[in-house]
C-alpha atoms as a PDB file:
ATOM      1  CA  MET A   1      51.714   8.018  68.860  1.00  0.00           C
ATOM      2  CA  ILE A   2      49.558   7.118  71.890  1.00  0.00           C
ATOM      3  CA  HIS A   3      47.997   3.361  71.869  1.00  0.00           C
ATOM      4  CA  VAL A   4      45.267   2.523  74.264  1.00  0.00           C
ATOM      5  CA  PHE A   5      44.592  -0.862  75.404  1.00  0.00           C
ATOM      6  CA  LYS A   6      41.966  -2.734  77.558  1.00  0.00           C
ATOM      7  CA  THR A   7      43.574  -5.073  79.951  1.00  0.00           C
ATOM      8  CA  SER A   8      42.975  -7.552  82.662  1.00  0.00           C
ATOM      9  CA  VAL A   9      45.592  -6.077  84.945  1.00  0.00           C
ATOM     10  CA  LYS A  10      43.837  -5.527  88.424  1.00  0.00           C
ATOM     11  CA  SER A  11      46.464  -4.340  90.718  1.00  0.00           C
ATOM     12  CA  GLU A  12      49.452  -2.053  91.206  1.00  0.00           C
ATOM     13  CA  LYS A  13      51.620  -5.099  91.696  1.00  0.00           C
ATOM     14  CA  GLN A  14      50.404  -6.677  88.305  1.00  0.00           C
ATOM     15  CA  ALA A  15      51.150  -3.269  86.808  1.00  0.00           C
ATOM     16  CA  SER A  16      54.553  -3.042  88.188  1.00  0.00           C
ATOM     17  CA  MET A  17      55.359  -6.690  86.792  1.00  0.00           C
ATOM     18  CA  VAL A  18      54.203  -5.743  83.451  1.00  0.00           C
ATOM     19  CA  GLY A  19      55.807  -2.412  83.578  1.00  0.00           C
ATOM     20  CA  ALA A  20      59.315  -3.938  84.104  1.00  0.00           C
ATOM     21  CA  PHE A  21      58.994  -5.442  80.678  1.00  0.00           C
ATOM     22  CA  LEU A  22      57.809  -2.271  79.071  1.00  0.00           C
ATOM     23  CA  ASN A  23      60.485  -0.358  80.614  1.00  0.00           C
ATOM     24  CA  ILE A  24      63.067  -2.793  78.866  1.00  0.00           C
ATOM     25  CA  LEU A  25      61.281  -2.521  75.640  1.00  0.00           C
ATOM     26  CA  LEU A  26      60.326   1.164  75.925  1.00  0.00           C
ATOM     27  CA  PRO A  27      63.184   3.001  77.798  1.00  0.00           C
ATOM     28  CA  TYR A  28      62.470   6.442  76.278  1.00  0.00           C
ATOM     29  CA  ASP A  29      58.790   6.130  76.026  1.00  0.00           C
ATOM     30  CA  SER A  30      56.092   6.312  78.505  1.00  0.00           C
ATOM     31  CA  TRP A  31      53.207   4.183  79.570  1.00  0.00           C
ATOM     32  CA  ASN A  32      50.688   4.264  82.399  1.00  0.00           C
ATOM     33  CA  PHE A  33      47.793   2.056  83.819  1.00  0.00           C
ATOM     34  CA  ASP A  34      44.368   3.471  84.685  1.00  0.00           C
ATOM     35  CA  LEU A  35      43.337   0.669  87.178  1.00  0.00           C
ATOM     36  CA  GLU A  36      40.313   2.785  88.099  1.00  0.00           C
ATOM     37  CA  ASP A  37      38.749   2.498  84.600  1.00  0.00           C
ATOM     38  CA  LYS A  38      36.531  -0.460  84.162  1.00  0.00           C
ATOM     39  CA  ASP A  39      38.597  -1.537  81.278  1.00  0.00           C
ATOM     40  CA  ARG A  40      41.909  -1.144  83.112  1.00  0.00           C
ATOM     41  CA  ILE A  41      43.408   0.982  80.584  1.00  0.00           C
ATOM     42  CA  LEU A  42      47.005   0.867  79.445  1.00  0.00           C
ATOM     43  CA  ARG A  43      48.407   3.763  77.550  1.00  0.00           C
ATOM     44  CA  VAL A  44      51.418   3.612  75.686  1.00  0.00           C
ATOM     45  CA  GLU A  45      53.085   6.649  74.067  1.00  0.00           C
ATOM     46  CA  THR A  46      55.682   5.273  71.708  1.00  0.00           C
ATOM     47  CA  PHE A  47      57.033   5.983  67.919  1.00  0.00           C
ATOM     48  CA  GLU A  48      58.779   2.633  67.690  1.00  0.00           C
ATOM     49  CA  LEU A  49      56.801  -0.101  69.237  1.00  0.00           C
ATOM     50  CA  LEU A  50      53.979  -1.956  67.412  1.00  0.00           C
ATOM     51  CA  PRO A  51      50.673  -2.391  69.144  1.00  0.00           C
ATOM     52  CA  ASP A  52      50.912  -6.168  68.722  1.00  0.00           C
ATOM     53  CA  THR A  53      54.029  -6.351  70.686  1.00  0.00           C
ATOM     54  CA  VAL A  54      52.244  -4.821  73.745  1.00  0.00           C
ATOM     55  CA  VAL A  55      49.430  -7.353  73.419  1.00  0.00           C
ATOM     56  CA  THR A  56      52.050 -10.074  73.211  1.00  0.00           C
ATOM     57  CA  ILE A  57      53.910  -8.789  76.319  1.00  0.00           C
ATOM     58  CA  LEU A  58      50.787  -8.847  78.387  1.00  0.00           C
ATOM     59  CA  ASN A  59      49.447 -12.166  77.022  1.00  0.00           C
ATOM     60  CA  SER A  60      52.738 -13.851  77.808  1.00  0.00           C
ATOM     61  CA  GLN A  61      52.443 -12.714  81.441  1.00  0.00           C
ATOM     62  CA  GLY A  62      48.855 -14.198  81.639  1.00  0.00           C
ATOM     63  CA  PHE A  63      46.749 -11.157  81.160  1.00  0.00           C
ATOM     64  CA  GLU A  64      44.376 -10.161  78.639  1.00  0.00           C
ATOM     65  CA  CYS A  65      44.918  -7.291  76.321  1.00  0.00           C
ATOM     66  CA  ASP A  66      43.194  -5.755  73.372  1.00  0.00           C
ATOM     67  CA  GLU A  67      43.900  -2.595  71.624  1.00  0.00           C
ATOM     68  CA  LEU A  68      40.989  -0.121  71.622  1.00  0.00           C
END
């Protein structure tokens, strides 16, 4: 399943920081940021992780995140 989130991540450096946490929680799943999009989209493809967990991860790192 693909989950799409609107975020406040603005740079590749910030995306890499968040990605470090996502890689731990999603070692076999994929994720990517579209920082060119006005909503700075994060797409997560997973069958295990709940969307609320992604929101919590980003919020704990100081970023806004809402599932679309």
